[in-house]
Amino acid sequence: MNTTKRTNIHPGLRVKIIQKQDQLTGTLTEGVVKDILTNSPTHPHGIKVRLTSGLVGRVKQILDESSSA
């Protein structure tokens, strides 16, 4: 699923994000979306979200599309 479109991201979705400090290393962090921080409908580097853990980053991978049920 496309991670650059805001319509594909929603609270409760399990994702992998890249945090600002990890952009050079490419380290991904797994978690569940709490809030969507990007206001525009798309973003070329991924939609920025806050995870339930409080971490903020851009979505690079969607792990579970059915977790919103």
Protein backbone atom coordinates (compact mmCIF):
# COMPACT_ATOMS: atom_id res chain seq x y z
CA MET A 1 0.00 0.00 0.00
CA ASN A 2 1.19 3.51 -0.81
CA THR A 3 2.62 5.22 2.29
CA THR A 4 2.74 8.66 0.65
CA LYS A 5 -1.07 9.04 0.59
CA ARG A 6 -2.82 10.28 3.73
CA THR A 7 -6.00 8.30 2.90
CA ASN A 8 -4.07 5.02 3.38
CA ILE A 9 -3.04 5.87 6.96
CA HIS A 10 -5.41 5.84 9.94
CA PRO A 11 -5.24 5.53 13.74
CA GLY A 12 -4.85 1.93 14.89
CA LEU A 13 -2.81 0.92 11.84
CA ARG A 14 0.39 -1.04 12.53
CA VAL A 15 3.29 0.57 10.65
CA LYS A 16 7.04 1.03 10.48
CA ILE A 17 8.28 4.62 10.61
CA ILE A 18 11.60 6.34 10.18
CA GLN A 19 12.42 8.95 12.79
CA LYS A 20 14.30 12.14 11.91
CA GLN A 21 17.47 11.06 13.70
CA ASP A 22 17.42 7.68 11.90
CA GLN A 23 17.21 9.02 8.34
CA LEU A 24 20.91 8.49 7.66
CA THR A 25 20.98 4.94 9.02
CA GLY A 26 17.56 3.91 7.71
CA THR A 27 16.55 2.34 11.04
CA LEU A 28 12.79 1.67 11.13
CA THR A 29 10.65 1.71 14.26
CA GLU A 30 7.49 -0.40 14.51
CA GLY A 31 4.34 0.80 16.22
CA VAL A 32 0.65 1.67 16.04
CA VAL A 33 -0.56 5.00 14.63
CA LYS A 34 -2.13 7.31 17.22
CA ASP A 35 -2.29 10.63 15.30
CA ILE A 36 -1.70 11.73 11.71
CA LEU A 37 0.46 14.86 11.68
CA THR A 38 0.67 15.53 7.92
CA ASN A 39 -2.17 17.80 6.78
CA SER A 40 -1.64 17.57 3.02
CA PRO A 41 -3.21 14.65 1.10
CA THR A 42 0.22 13.34 0.00
CA HIS A 43 3.87 13.72 0.95
CA PRO A 44 6.79 12.38 -1.14
CA HIS A 45 8.74 11.13 1.92
CA GLY A 46 5.79 9.48 3.66
CA ILE A 47 2.98 10.65 5.93
CA LYS A 48 4.18 11.93 9.32
CA VAL A 49 2.48 10.23 12.28
CA ARG A 50 2.70 9.95 16.06
CA LEU A 51 2.70 6.39 17.38
CA THR A 52 0.94 5.27 20.57
CA SER A 53 4.43 5.17 22.13
CA GLY A 54 4.77 8.91 21.47
CA LEU A 55 7.45 8.57 18.79
CA VAL A 56 7.08 10.71 15.65
CA GLY A 57 8.22 9.79 12.15
CA ARG A 58 7.25 9.21 8.54
CA VAL A 59 5.49 5.99 7.53
CA LYS A 60 7.73 3.79 5.40
CA GLN A 61 5.85 0.50 5.62
CA ILE A 62 2.31 -0.61 6.46
CA LEU A 63 2.33 -3.92 8.35
CA ASP A 64 -1.33 -4.74 8.99
CA GLU A 65 -4.18 -3.30 6.95
CA SER A 66 -6.91 -5.06 8.94
CA SER A 67 -6.06 -3.79 12.44
CA SER A 68 -8.73 -1.04 12.26
CA ALA A 69 -11.58 -3.55 12.66
